[in-house]
Amino acid sequence: MNAITHENSQLGFVGIGYMGRPIAQRLLEAGFRLSAYDRHRAQAEQLIPYGGTVAESVAELSSGCDVLLSCLATDDAVLNTYKGVDGAFTQARRGSLIIDLSTVTPETSQELSRLGAERGIHVLDVTMSGSTPVAEQGALTLFGGGDPACFAAAESIFTVISRKHFYLGPSGSGATMKLVVNSLLGIGMQAIAEALALGEKAGLDRHRLLEVLSETAVVAPAHVGKLQRAMQSDYSPQFPLRLMNKDFGLILNLAAAVGAHMPAARAAYEVNALQSEQGGEQDFSAVILQMEKQASLGTTDHGGRLYLGLLPTSIGSVPGRRCASISERRT
């Protein structure tokens, strides 16, 4: 496959949301010609000031581009975009390239690749690590699956939107790597939320606690900004809680399929789900609020020790006292 350049390639982009908008904007600012489609037309129109154009349908978009990128929220959204009589595959040019940036199951990525191959269309699953501010800076980390020659041909796109990009292997490998990474992201945020609640209940000043935690070696760079925003009680979405909740579901389904045991991920998912039930659009770091809420329900024994209601029964029982699990308290 020939290398993709500003001069020889027209780009299409489906899904101008939290991540799609800054990615598409960076490509336009780098000199690529790009047309966009979003089911909410106003989202796509945000790219017009940067030189983008707006397509009326996915089919129209795919018929006019050499490279079609998509950044969508769910497996169903991805499959519905590409399959069917009005899907992208119906009008896509033979020999064109599809780069799906969505977080989906490896099976969905493999199905796209199979359907594309039947029509002479190349498909890459290129997932990403980084939230909206990272995308705006062009500092994402990308994980690619699919044909290595196609991945190499798209180098000019990847260098615009990412700090680093890695080829992982055949179709589905990029999707798998993203679920591995997001398991660390979600579990790490849950661990921070628990540690913060512990420190607060033990009498440390909340602001100072967050400030110092953000300077320690044990907090990952992806979480540092979350602590700084938590100081201001800012949980506006950069990576929405509902998407982290969805990703936990994908992670646990993959774990079940391959026989991997992930107790920490399951526990983090339960807390994430509890906070998701509060409604409203929040960042995934809002699990801090859930742990602070749970900590306020704690009781102390005569020795002054605090017992929270989030410990698994198997490790949370003490003489004369039983700590219920999340699932028990929800019933």
C-alpha atoms as a PDB file:
ATOM      1  CA  MET A   1       0.000   0.000   0.000  1.00  0.00           C
ATOM      2  CA  ASN A   2       1.307   3.454  -0.925  1.00  0.00           C
ATOM      3  CA  ALA A   3       2.208   5.854   1.851  1.00  0.00           C
ATOM      4  CA  ILE A   4      -0.582   8.223   2.829  1.00  0.00           C
ATOM      5  CA  THR A   5       0.313  11.883   2.330  1.00  0.00           C
ATOM      6  CA  HIS A   6      -1.414  15.248   2.489  1.00  0.00           C
ATOM      7  CA  GLU A   7      -1.230  15.486  -1.301  1.00  0.00           C
ATOM      8  CA  ASN A   8      -2.498  12.054  -2.348  1.00  0.00           C
ATOM      9  CA  SER A   9      -5.149  11.271   0.271  1.00  0.00           C
ATOM     10  CA  GLN A  10      -8.615  12.527   1.115  1.00  0.00           C
ATOM     11  CA  LEU A  11      -9.601  11.644   4.665  1.00  0.00           C
ATOM     12  CA  GLY A  12     -13.054  10.920   6.031  1.00  0.00           C
ATOM     13  CA  PHE A  13     -13.921  10.914   9.721  1.00  0.00           C
ATOM     14  CA  VAL A  14     -16.963   9.392  11.443  1.00  0.00           C
ATOM     15  CA  GLY A  15     -17.722  10.286  15.073  1.00  0.00           C
ATOM     16  CA  ILE A  16     -16.852  13.849  16.079  1.00  0.00           C
ATOM     17  CA  GLY A  17     -17.144  13.386  19.837  1.00  0.00           C
ATOM     18  CA  TYR A  18     -14.882  13.844  22.859  1.00  0.00           C
ATOM     19  CA  MET A  19     -11.904  12.260  21.111  1.00  0.00           C
ATOM     20  CA  GLY A  20     -12.890  12.442  17.459  1.00  0.00           C
ATOM     21  CA  ARG A  21     -13.130  16.226  17.360  1.00  0.00           C
ATOM     22  CA  PRO A  22      -9.573  17.034  18.552  1.00  0.00           C
ATOM     23  CA  ILE A  23      -8.103  14.243  16.426  1.00  0.00           C
ATOM     24  CA  ALA A  24      -9.866  15.428  13.278  1.00  0.00           C
ATOM     25  CA  GLN A  25      -8.974  19.036  14.045  1.00  0.00           C
ATOM     26  CA  ARG A  26      -5.275  18.191  14.363  1.00  0.00           C
ATOM     27  CA  LEU A  27      -5.336  16.385  11.007  1.00  0.00           C
ATOM     28  CA  LEU A  28      -6.894  19.435   9.371  1.00  0.00           C
ATOM     29  CA  GLU A  29      -4.380  21.782  10.986  1.00  0.00           C
ATOM     30  CA  ALA A  30      -1.577  19.525   9.706  1.00  0.00           C
ATOM     31  CA  GLY A  31      -2.771  20.045   6.148  1.00  0.00           C
ATOM     32  CA  PHE A  32      -4.862  16.968   5.456  1.00  0.00           C
ATOM     33  CA  ARG A  33      -8.078  17.308   3.466  1.00  0.00           C
ATOM     34  CA  LEU A  34     -10.855  15.938   5.634  1.00  0.00           C
ATOM     35  CA  SER A  35     -14.605  15.548   5.461  1.00  0.00           C
ATOM     36  CA  ALA A  36     -16.616  14.499   8.511  1.00  0.00           C
ATOM     37  CA  TYR A  37     -19.903  12.874   9.408  1.00  0.00           C
ATOM     38  CA  ASP A  38     -21.645  12.695  12.760  1.00  0.00           C
ATOM     39  CA  ARG A  39     -25.261  11.782  13.437  1.00  0.00           C
ATOM     40  CA  HIS A  40     -25.420  15.114  15.251  1.00  0.00           C
ATOM     41  CA  ARG A  41     -24.544  17.368  12.334  1.00  0.00           C
ATOM     42  CA  ALA A  42     -23.558  20.268  14.593  1.00  0.00           C
ATOM     43  CA  GLN A  43     -20.662  18.155  15.886  1.00  0.00           C
ATOM     44  CA  ALA A  44     -19.223  17.760  12.396  1.00  0.00           C
ATOM     45  CA  GLU A  45     -19.780  21.438  11.639  1.00  0.00           C
ATOM     46  CA  GLN A  46     -17.303  22.326  14.403  1.00  0.00           C
ATOM     47  CA  LEU A  47     -14.560  21.358  11.943  1.00  0.00           C
ATOM     48  CA  ILE A  48     -15.598  23.818   9.225  1.00  0.00           C
ATOM     49  CA  PRO A  49     -13.527  26.723  10.656  1.00  0.00           C
ATOM     50  CA  TYR A  50     -10.450  24.504  10.345  1.00  0.00           C
ATOM     51  CA  GLY A  51     -11.097  23.677   6.700  1.00  0.00           C
ATOM     52  CA  GLY A  52     -13.210  20.572   7.109  1.00  0.00           C
ATOM     53  CA  THR A  53     -16.317  19.741   5.115  1.00  0.00           C
ATOM     54  CA  VAL A  54     -19.458  17.915   6.225  1.00  0.00           C
ATOM     55  CA  ALA A  55     -20.919  14.810   4.575  1.00  0.00           C
ATOM     56  CA  GLU A  56     -24.638  14.082   4.643  1.00  0.00           C
ATOM     57  CA  SER A  57     -24.253  10.350   5.250  1.00  0.00           C
ATOM     58  CA  VAL A  58     -21.711   7.658   6.015  1.00  0.00           C
ATOM     59  CA  ALA A  59     -22.107   6.257   2.501  1.00  0.00           C
ATOM     60  CA  GLU A  60     -21.434   9.657   0.931  1.00  0.00           C
ATOM     61  CA  LEU A  61     -18.388  10.117   3.149  1.00  0.00           C
ATOM     62  CA  SER A  62     -16.883   6.714   2.386  1.00  0.00           C
ATOM     63  CA  SER A  63     -17.390   7.090  -1.372  1.00  0.00           C
ATOM     64  CA  GLY A  64     -15.211  10.179  -1.484  1.00  0.00           C
ATOM     65  CA  CYS A  65     -12.239   9.287   0.679  1.00  0.00           C
ATOM     66  CA  ASP A  66      -9.067   7.243   0.489  1.00  0.00           C
ATOM     67  CA  VAL A  67      -8.809   6.797   4.242  1.00  0.00           C
ATOM     68  CA  LEU A  68     -11.817   6.578   6.547  1.00  0.00           C
ATOM     69  CA  LEU A  69     -11.261   7.009  10.276  1.00  0.00           C
ATOM     70  CA  SER A  70     -13.914   6.266  12.882  1.00  0.00           C
ATOM     71  CA  CYS A  71     -14.086   7.022  16.587  1.00  0.00           C
ATOM     72  CA  LEU A  72     -17.315   5.645  18.019  1.00  0.00           C
ATOM     73  CA  ALA A  73     -18.612   4.747  21.466  1.00  0.00           C
ATOM     74  CA  THR A  74     -19.752   1.120  21.205  1.00  0.00           C
ATOM     75  CA  ASP A  75     -19.390  -2.079  19.216  1.00  0.00           C
ATOM     76  CA  ASP A  76     -22.936  -1.679  17.896  1.00  0.00           C
ATOM     77  CA  ALA A  77     -22.204   1.858  16.716  1.00  0.00           C
ATOM     78  CA  VAL A  78     -19.113   0.643  14.856  1.00  0.00           C
ATOM     79  CA  LEU A  79     -20.855  -2.308  13.208  1.00  0.00           C
ATOM     80  CA  ASN A  80     -23.891  -0.207  12.261  1.00  0.00           C
ATOM     81  CA  THR A  81     -21.621   2.416  10.704  1.00  0.00           C
ATOM     82  CA  TYR A  82     -19.869  -0.069   8.428  1.00  0.00           C
ATOM     83  CA  LYS A  83     -22.458  -2.783   7.735  1.00  0.00           C
ATOM     84  CA  GLY A  84     -25.824  -2.712   6.014  1.00  0.00           C
ATOM     85  CA  VAL A  85     -27.188  -1.032   2.909  1.00  0.00           C
ATOM     86  CA  ASP A  86     -26.294   2.444   4.175  1.00  0.00           C
ATOM     87  CA  GLY A  87     -22.983   1.474   5.770  1.00  0.00           C
ATOM     88  CA  ALA A  88     -19.525   2.658   4.855  1.00  0.00           C
ATOM     89  CA  PHE A  89     -18.586  -0.618   3.161  1.00  0.00           C
ATOM     90  CA  THR A  90     -21.300  -0.221   0.519  1.00  0.00           C
ATOM     91  CA  GLN A  91     -19.634   2.794  -1.094  1.00  0.00           C
ATOM     92  CA  ALA A  92     -16.024   2.582   0.071  1.00  0.00           C
ATOM     93  CA  ARG A  93     -13.427   2.537  -2.698  1.00  0.00           C
ATOM     94  CA  ARG A  94     -11.641  -0.706  -3.425  1.00  0.00           C
ATOM     95  CA  GLY A  95      -8.078  -0.403  -2.101  1.00  0.00           C
ATOM     96  CA  SER A  96      -9.023   2.283   0.431  1.00  0.00           C
ATOM     97  CA  LEU A  97      -8.050   2.109   4.090  1.00  0.00           C
ATOM     98  CA  ILE A  98     -10.239   2.121   7.194  1.00  0.00           C
ATOM     99  CA  ILE A  99      -8.718   3.054  10.564  1.00  0.00           C
ATOM    100  CA  ASP A 100     -11.080   2.343  13.422  1.00  0.00           C
ATOM    101  CA  LEU A 101      -9.997   4.171  16.577  1.00  0.00           C
ATOM    102  CA  SER A 102     -12.916   2.944  18.698  1.00  0.00           C
ATOM    103  CA  THR A 103     -12.590   0.887  21.873  1.00  0.00           C
ATOM    104  CA  VAL A 104     -14.385  -2.341  20.966  1.00  0.00           C
ATOM    105  CA  THR A 105     -13.955  -6.080  21.384  1.00  0.00           C
ATOM    106  CA  PRO A 106     -11.243  -7.831  19.367  1.00  0.00           C
ATOM    107  CA  GLU A 107     -14.041  -9.820  17.703  1.00  0.00           C
ATOM    108  CA  THR A 108     -15.617  -6.626  16.340  1.00  0.00           C
ATOM    109  CA  SER A 109     -12.269  -5.510  14.921  1.00  0.00           C
ATOM    110  CA  GLN A 110     -11.769  -8.920  13.326  1.00  0.00           C
ATOM    111  CA  GLU A 111     -15.256  -8.821  11.819  1.00  0.00           C
ATOM    112  CA  LEU A 112     -14.559  -5.414  10.274  1.00  0.00           C
ATOM    113  CA  SER A 113     -11.323  -6.746   8.834  1.00  0.00           C
ATOM    114  CA  ARG A 114     -13.087  -9.773   7.347  1.00  0.00           C
ATOM    115  CA  LEU A 115     -15.882  -7.688   5.825  1.00  0.00           C
ATOM    116  CA  GLY A 116     -13.360  -5.240   4.430  1.00  0.00           C
ATOM    117  CA  ALA A 117     -11.241  -7.983   2.888  1.00  0.00           C
ATOM    118  CA  GLU A 118     -14.310  -9.312   1.053  1.00  0.00           C
ATOM    119  CA  ARG A 119     -14.586  -5.909  -0.656  1.00  0.00           C
ATOM    120  CA  GLY A 120     -10.893  -5.265  -1.232  1.00  0.00           C
ATOM    121  CA  ILE A 121     -10.744  -2.706   1.600  1.00  0.00           C
ATOM    122  CA  HIS A 122      -7.926  -2.635   4.156  1.00  0.00           C
ATOM    123  CA  VAL A 123      -8.905  -2.322   7.843  1.00  0.00           C
ATOM    124  CA  LEU A 124      -6.752  -1.411  10.845  1.00  0.00           C
ATOM    125  CA  ASP A 125      -7.849  -1.374  14.480  1.00  0.00           C
ATOM    126  CA  VAL A 126      -5.806   1.444  15.990  1.00  0.00           C
ATOM    127  CA  THR A 127      -6.834   2.126  19.559  1.00  0.00           C
ATOM    128  CA  MET A 128      -5.531   4.944  21.699  1.00  0.00           C
ATOM    129  CA  SER A 129      -4.476   5.818  25.212  1.00  0.00           C
ATOM    130  CA  GLY A 130      -5.079   9.374  26.394  1.00  0.00           C
ATOM    131  CA  SER A 131      -7.986  11.661  27.247  1.00  0.00           C
ATOM    132  CA  THR A 132      -9.327  14.744  25.475  1.00  0.00           C
ATOM    133  CA  PRO A 133      -6.508  17.133  26.532  1.00  0.00           C
ATOM    134  CA  VAL A 134      -3.918  14.593  25.368  1.00  0.00           C
ATOM    135  CA  ALA A 135      -5.685  14.300  22.008  1.00  0.00           C
ATOM    136  CA  GLU A 136      -5.705  18.089  21.682  1.00  0.00           C
ATOM    137  CA  GLN A 137      -1.917  18.095  22.173  1.00  0.00           C
ATOM    138  CA  GLY A 138      -1.383  15.313  19.632  1.00  0.00           C
ATOM    139  CA  ALA A 139       0.217  13.231  22.380  1.00  0.00           C
ATOM    140  CA  LEU A 140      -1.858  10.053  22.274  1.00  0.00           C
ATOM    141  CA  THR A 141      -0.304   6.587  22.381  1.00  0.00           C
ATOM    142  CA  LEU A 142      -1.637   4.312  19.623  1.00  0.00           C
ATOM    143  CA  PHE A 143      -1.891   0.518  19.452  1.00  0.00           C
ATOM    144  CA  GLY A 144      -2.293  -0.976  15.996  1.00  0.00           C
ATOM    145  CA  GLY A 145      -3.681  -4.249  14.733  1.00  0.00           C
ATOM    146  CA  GLY A 146      -3.988  -5.424  11.129  1.00  0.00           C
ATOM    147  CA  ASP A 147      -1.687  -5.584   8.146  1.00  0.00           C
ATOM    148  CA  PRO A 148       1.773  -4.184   9.047  1.00  0.00           C
ATOM    149  CA  ALA A 149       2.260  -2.646   5.598  1.00  0.00           C
ATOM    150  CA  CYS A 150      -0.983  -0.682   5.960  1.00  0.00           C
ATOM    151  CA  PHE A 151       0.058   0.427   9.435  1.00  0.00           C
ATOM    152  CA  ALA A 152       3.363   1.686   8.042  1.00  0.00           C
ATOM    153  CA  ALA A 153       1.559   3.460   5.185  1.00  0.00           C
ATOM    154  CA  ALA A 154      -0.512   5.453   7.712  1.00  0.00           C
ATOM    155  CA  GLU A 155       2.586   6.795   9.510  1.00  0.00           C
ATOM    156  CA  SER A 156       1.869  10.375   8.440  1.00  0.00           C
ATOM    157  CA  ILE A 157      -1.520  10.245  10.191  1.00  0.00           C
ATOM    158  CA  PHE A 158      -0.186   8.669  13.356  1.00  0.00           C
ATOM    159  CA  THR A 159       2.633  11.179  13.766  1.00  0.00           C
ATOM    160  CA  VAL A 160       0.119  14.040  13.733  1.00  0.00           C
ATOM    161  CA  ILE A 161      -2.176  12.654  16.420  1.00  0.00           C
ATOM    162  CA  SER A 162       0.170  10.679  18.666  1.00  0.00           C
ATOM    163  CA  ARG A 163       3.346  10.855  20.685  1.00  0.00           C
ATOM    164  CA  LYS A 164       4.066   7.165  20.117  1.00  0.00           C
ATOM    165  CA  HIS A 165       2.463   4.466  18.016  1.00  0.00           C
ATOM    166  CA  PHE A 166       2.999   0.719  18.232  1.00  0.00           C
ATOM    167  CA  TYR A 167       2.154  -2.155  15.913  1.00  0.00           C
ATOM    168  CA  LEU A 168       0.894  -5.092  18.003  1.00  0.00           C
ATOM    169  CA  GLY A 169      -0.009  -7.796  15.496  1.00  0.00           C
ATOM    170  CA  PRO A 170      -2.906  -9.087  13.375  1.00  0.00           C
ATOM    171  CA  SER A 171      -6.452  -7.771  13.373  1.00  0.00           C
ATOM    172  CA  GLY A 172      -7.862  -7.417  16.886  1.00  0.00           C
ATOM    173  CA  SER A 173      -4.468  -6.863  18.510  1.00  0.00           C
ATOM    174  CA  GLY A 174      -4.971  -3.113  18.842  1.00  0.00           C
ATOM    175  CA  ALA A 175      -8.377  -3.655  20.425  1.00  0.00           C
ATOM    176  CA  THR A 176      -6.934  -6.193  22.857  1.00  0.00           C
ATOM    177  CA  MET A 177      -4.094  -3.886  23.889  1.00  0.00           C
ATOM    178  CA  LYS A 178      -6.547  -1.065  24.595  1.00  0.00           C
ATOM    179  CA  LEU A 179      -8.530  -3.263  26.974  1.00  0.00           C
ATOM    180  CA  VAL A 180      -5.309  -4.253  28.746  1.00  0.00           C
ATOM    181  CA  VAL A 181      -4.374  -0.583  29.129  1.00  0.00           C
ATOM    182  CA  ASN A 182      -7.825   0.501  30.256  1.00  0.00           C
ATOM    183  CA  SER A 183      -7.901  -2.203  32.903  1.00  0.00           C
ATOM    184  CA  LEU A 184      -4.896  -0.448  34.474  1.00  0.00           C
ATOM    185  CA  LEU A 185      -6.500   2.956  33.971  1.00  0.00           C
ATOM    186  CA  GLY A 186      -9.742   2.006  35.696  1.00  0.00           C
ATOM    187  CA  ILE A 187      -8.228  -0.089  38.496  1.00  0.00           C
ATOM    188  CA  GLY A 188      -5.635   2.620  39.131  1.00  0.00           C
ATOM    189  CA  MET A 189      -8.325   5.275  39.490  1.00  0.00           C
ATOM    190  CA  GLN A 190     -10.229   3.055  41.914  1.00  0.00           C
ATOM    191  CA  ALA A 191      -7.078   2.506  43.988  1.00  0.00           C
ATOM    192  CA  ILE A 192      -6.488   6.253  44.150  1.00  0.00           C
ATOM    193  CA  ALA A 193     -10.107   6.864  45.187  1.00  0.00           C
ATOM    194  CA  GLU A 194      -9.772   4.336  48.024  1.00  0.00           C
ATOM    195  CA  ALA A 195      -6.439   5.771  49.170  1.00  0.00           C
ATOM    196  CA  LEU A 196      -7.877   9.280  49.140  1.00  0.00           C
ATOM    197  CA  ALA A 197     -10.894   8.213  51.219  1.00  0.00           C
ATOM    198  CA  LEU A 198      -8.556   6.467  53.667  1.00  0.00           C
ATOM    199  CA  GLY A 199      -6.407   9.565  54.087  1.00  0.00           C
ATOM    200  CA  GLU A 200      -9.401  11.836  54.564  1.00  0.00           C
ATOM    201  CA  LYS A 201     -11.005   9.564  57.144  1.00  0.00           C
ATOM    202  CA  ALA A 202      -7.690   9.358  58.978  1.00  0.00           C
ATOM    203  CA  GLY A 203      -7.673  13.157  59.305  1.00  0.00           C
ATOM    204  CA  LEU A 204      -5.484  14.425  56.477  1.00  0.00           C
ATOM    205  CA  ASP A 205      -6.445  17.656  54.726  1.00  0.00           C
ATOM    206  CA  ARG A 206      -8.111  16.731  51.422  1.00  0.00           C
ATOM    207  CA  HIS A 207      -6.466  19.412  49.292  1.00  0.00           C
ATOM    208  CA  ARG A 208      -3.010  18.747  50.697  1.00  0.00           C
ATOM    209  CA  LEU A 209      -3.524  14.994  50.343  1.00  0.00           C
ATOM    210  CA  LEU A 210      -4.396  15.333  46.655  1.00  0.00           C
ATOM    211  CA  GLU A 211      -1.517  17.734  46.109  1.00  0.00           C
ATOM    212  CA  VAL A 212       1.055  15.404  47.646  1.00  0.00           C
ATOM    213  CA  LEU A 213      -0.344  12.259  45.991  1.00  0.00           C
ATOM    214  CA  SER A 214       0.046  13.924  42.597  1.00  0.00           C
ATOM    215  CA  GLU A 215       3.781  14.347  43.290  1.00  0.00           C
ATOM    216  CA  THR A 216       4.450  10.737  44.228  1.00  0.00           C
ATOM    217  CA  ALA A 217       6.027   8.097  42.008  1.00  0.00           C
ATOM    218  CA  VAL A 218       3.141   5.680  42.543  1.00  0.00           C
ATOM    219  CA  VAL A 219       0.530   7.796  40.742  1.00  0.00           C
ATOM    220  CA  ALA A 220       0.612   7.252  36.969  1.00  0.00           C
ATOM    221  CA  PRO A 221       0.838  10.284  34.651  1.00  0.00           C
ATOM    222  CA  ALA A 222      -2.659   9.530  33.331  1.00  0.00           C
ATOM    223  CA  HIS A 223      -4.046  10.020  36.840  1.00  0.00           C
ATOM    224  CA  VAL A 224      -2.073  13.086  37.946  1.00  0.00           C
ATOM    225  CA  GLY A 225      -4.354  15.500  36.110  1.00  0.00           C
ATOM    226  CA  LYS A 226      -7.382  13.819  37.689  1.00  0.00           C
ATOM    227  CA  LEU A 227      -6.056  14.588  41.165  1.00  0.00           C
ATOM    228  CA  GLN A 228      -5.443  18.206  40.240  1.00  0.00           C
ATOM    229  CA  ARG A 229      -8.993  18.536  38.919  1.00  0.00           C
ATOM    230  CA  ALA A 230     -10.375  16.806  42.010  1.00  0.00           C
ATOM    231  CA  MET A 231      -8.816  19.575  44.116  1.00  0.00           C
ATOM    232  CA  GLN A 232     -11.304  21.888  42.404  1.00  0.00           C
ATOM    233  CA  SER A 233     -14.124  19.314  42.587  1.00  0.00           C
ATOM    234  CA  ASP A 234     -14.051  19.273  38.792  1.00  0.00           C
ATOM    235  CA  TYR A 235     -15.414  16.017  37.437  1.00  0.00           C
ATOM    236  CA  SER A 236     -16.512  17.305  34.043  1.00  0.00           C
ATOM    237  CA  PRO A 237     -15.909  14.573  31.447  1.00  0.00           C
ATOM    238  CA  GLN A 238     -12.603  14.173  29.670  1.00  0.00           C
ATOM    239  CA  PHE A 239     -13.021  10.408  29.576  1.00  0.00           C
ATOM    240  CA  PRO A 240     -16.686   9.894  30.536  1.00  0.00           C
ATOM    241  CA  LEU A 241     -17.565   7.558  33.382  1.00  0.00           C
ATOM    242  CA  ARG A 242     -20.142   5.807  31.177  1.00  0.00           C
ATOM    243  CA  LEU A 243     -17.403   4.882  28.691  1.00  0.00           C
ATOM    244  CA  MET A 244     -15.132   3.566  31.430  1.00  0.00           C
ATOM    245  CA  ASN A 245     -18.117   1.567  32.658  1.00  0.00           C
ATOM    246  CA  LYS A 246     -18.601   0.184  29.147  1.00  0.00           C
ATOM    247  CA  ASP A 247     -14.904  -0.630  28.865  1.00  0.00           C
ATOM    248  CA  PHE A 248     -14.922  -2.506  32.168  1.00  0.00           C
ATOM    249  CA  GLY A 249     -17.663  -4.670  30.693  1.00  0.00           C
ATOM    250  CA  LEU A 250     -15.515  -5.381  27.629  1.00  0.00           C
ATOM    251  CA  ILE A 251     -12.499  -6.114  29.824  1.00  0.00           C
ATOM    252  CA  LEU A 252     -14.364  -8.593  32.004  1.00  0.00           C
ATOM    253  CA  ASN A 253     -15.955 -10.269  28.987  1.00  0.00           C
ATOM    254  CA  LEU A 254     -12.521 -10.701  27.408  1.00  0.00           C
ATOM    255  CA  ALA A 255     -11.157 -12.033  30.694  1.00  0.00           C
ATOM    256  CA  ALA A 256     -13.961 -14.590  30.857  1.00  0.00           C
ATOM    257  CA  ALA A 257     -13.373 -15.624  27.250  1.00  0.00           C
ATOM    258  CA  VAL A 258      -9.656 -16.251  27.715  1.00  0.00           C
ATOM    259  CA  GLY A 259      -9.831 -17.576  31.273  1.00  0.00           C
ATOM    260  CA  ALA A 260      -8.076 -14.675  33.015  1.00  0.00           C
ATOM    261  CA  HIS A 261      -8.989 -14.003  36.665  1.00  0.00           C
ATOM    262  CA  MET A 262      -9.409 -10.267  37.392  1.00  0.00           C
ATOM    263  CA  PRO A 263     -10.816  -9.691  40.894  1.00  0.00           C
ATOM    264  CA  ALA A 264      -9.498  -6.125  41.129  1.00  0.00           C
ATOM    265  CA  ALA A 265     -11.097  -5.188  37.809  1.00  0.00           C
ATOM    266  CA  ARG A 266     -14.412  -6.676  38.904  1.00  0.00           C
ATOM    267  CA  ALA A 267     -14.360  -4.744  42.176  1.00  0.00           C
ATOM    268  CA  ALA A 268     -13.476  -1.507  40.382  1.00  0.00           C
ATOM    269  CA  TYR A 269     -16.268  -2.115  37.882  1.00  0.00           C
ATOM    270  CA  GLU A 270     -18.809  -2.426  40.676  1.00  0.00           C
ATOM    271  CA  VAL A 271     -17.817   0.919  42.185  1.00  0.00           C
ATOM    272  CA  ASN A 272     -17.784   2.498  38.730  1.00  0.00           C
ATOM    273  CA  ALA A 273     -21.281   1.160  38.121  1.00  0.00           C
ATOM    274  CA  LEU A 274     -22.520   2.556  41.429  1.00  0.00           C
ATOM    275  CA  GLN A 275     -21.315   6.041  40.522  1.00  0.00           C
ATOM    276  CA  SER A 276     -22.725   5.701  37.008  1.00  0.00           C
ATOM    277  CA  GLU A 277     -26.148   5.142  38.537  1.00  0.00           C
ATOM    278  CA  GLN A 278     -26.048   8.672  39.956  1.00  0.00           C
ATOM    279  CA  GLY A 279     -26.812   9.986  36.444  1.00  0.00           C
ATOM    280  CA  GLY A 280     -25.304  12.956  34.649  1.00  0.00           C
ATOM    281  CA  GLU A 281     -22.173  13.077  32.517  1.00  0.00           C
ATOM    282  CA  GLN A 282     -19.082  12.810  34.716  1.00  0.00           C
ATOM    283  CA  ASP A 283     -15.440  11.962  34.227  1.00  0.00           C
ATOM    284  CA  PHE A 284     -14.369   8.449  35.230  1.00  0.00           C
ATOM    285  CA  SER A 285     -12.441  10.017  38.119  1.00  0.00           C
ATOM    286  CA  ALA A 286     -15.830  10.620  39.783  1.00  0.00           C
ATOM    287  CA  VAL A 287     -15.349   7.250  41.497  1.00  0.00           C
ATOM    288  CA  ILE A 288     -13.565   9.462  44.036  1.00  0.00           C
ATOM    289  CA  LEU A 289     -16.984  10.839  44.961  1.00  0.00           C
ATOM    290  CA  GLN A 290     -18.381   7.334  45.368  1.00  0.00           C
ATOM    291  CA  MET A 291     -15.572   6.268  47.690  1.00  0.00           C
ATOM    292  CA  GLU A 292     -15.889   9.447  49.739  1.00  0.00           C
ATOM    293  CA  LYS A 293     -19.612   8.805  50.004  1.00  0.00           C
ATOM    294  CA  GLN A 294     -19.009   5.233  51.116  1.00  0.00           C
ATOM    295  CA  ALA A 295     -16.377   6.294  53.611  1.00  0.00           C
ATOM    296  CA  SER A 296     -18.853   8.623  55.291  1.00  0.00           C
ATOM    297  CA  LEU A 297     -20.994   5.549  56.068  1.00  0.00           C
ATOM    298  CA  GLY A 298     -18.156   3.802  57.870  1.00  0.00           C
ATOM    299  CA  THR A 299     -18.242   2.944  61.566  1.00  0.00           C
ATOM    300  CA  THR A 300     -15.449   2.413  64.055  1.00  0.00           C
ATOM    301  CA  ASP A 301     -14.938  -0.335  66.574  1.00  0.00           C
ATOM    302  CA  HIS A 302     -13.850   0.326  70.134  1.00  0.00           C
ATOM    303  CA  GLY A 303     -10.225   0.477  69.044  1.00  0.00           C
ATOM    304  CA  GLY A 304     -10.970   3.362  66.711  1.00  0.00           C
ATOM    305  CA  ARG A 305     -10.460   1.312  63.536  1.00  0.00           C
ATOM    306  CA  LEU A 306     -12.628   2.156  60.536  1.00  0.00           C
ATOM    307  CA  TYR A 307     -14.498  -0.552  58.618  1.00  0.00           C
ATOM    308  CA  LEU A 308     -15.875   0.495  55.250  1.00  0.00           C
ATOM    309  CA  GLY A 309     -18.729  -1.290  53.544  1.00  0.00           C
ATOM    310  CA  LEU A 310     -16.829  -2.043  50.339  1.00  0.00           C
ATOM    311  CA  LEU A 311     -14.636  -4.911  51.479  1.00  0.00           C
ATOM    312  CA  PRO A 312     -15.341  -8.404  50.112  1.00  0.00           C
ATOM    313  CA  THR A 313     -16.892 -10.578  52.788  1.00  0.00           C
ATOM    314  CA  SER A 314     -13.987 -13.021  52.592  1.00  0.00           C
ATOM    315  CA  ILE A 315     -11.474 -10.455  53.847  1.00  0.00           C
ATOM    316  CA  GLY A 316     -13.688  -7.912  55.523  1.00  0.00           C
ATOM    317  CA  SER A 317     -15.100  -9.883  58.438  1.00  0.00           C
ATOM    318  CA  VAL A 318     -13.905  -9.279  61.988  1.00  0.00           C
ATOM    319  CA  PRO A 319     -15.106 -10.773  65.266  1.00  0.00           C
ATOM    320  CA  GLY A 320     -18.679  -9.662  65.836  1.00  0.00           C
ATOM    321  CA  ARG A 321     -18.833  -7.641  62.631  1.00  0.00           C
ATOM    322  CA  ARG A 322     -19.546  -8.425  58.967  1.00  0.00           C
ATOM    323  CA  CYS A 323     -18.820  -6.053  56.064  1.00  0.00           C
ATOM    324  CA  ALA A 324     -21.235  -6.502  53.171  1.00  0.00           C
ATOM    325  CA  SER A 325     -20.021  -6.509  49.597  1.00  0.00           C
ATOM    326  CA  ILE A 326     -21.267  -3.973  47.057  1.00  0.00           C
ATOM    327  CA  SER A 327     -23.510  -6.501  45.360  1.00  0.00           C
ATOM    328  CA  GLU A 328     -25.122  -7.421  48.679  1.00  0.00           C
ATOM    329  CA  ARG A 329     -25.798  -3.805  49.582  1.00  0.00           C
ATOM    330  CA  ARG A 330     -27.396  -3.134  46.200  1.00  0.00           C
ATOM    331  CA  THR A 331     -29.995  -5.860  46.619  1.00  0.00           C
END
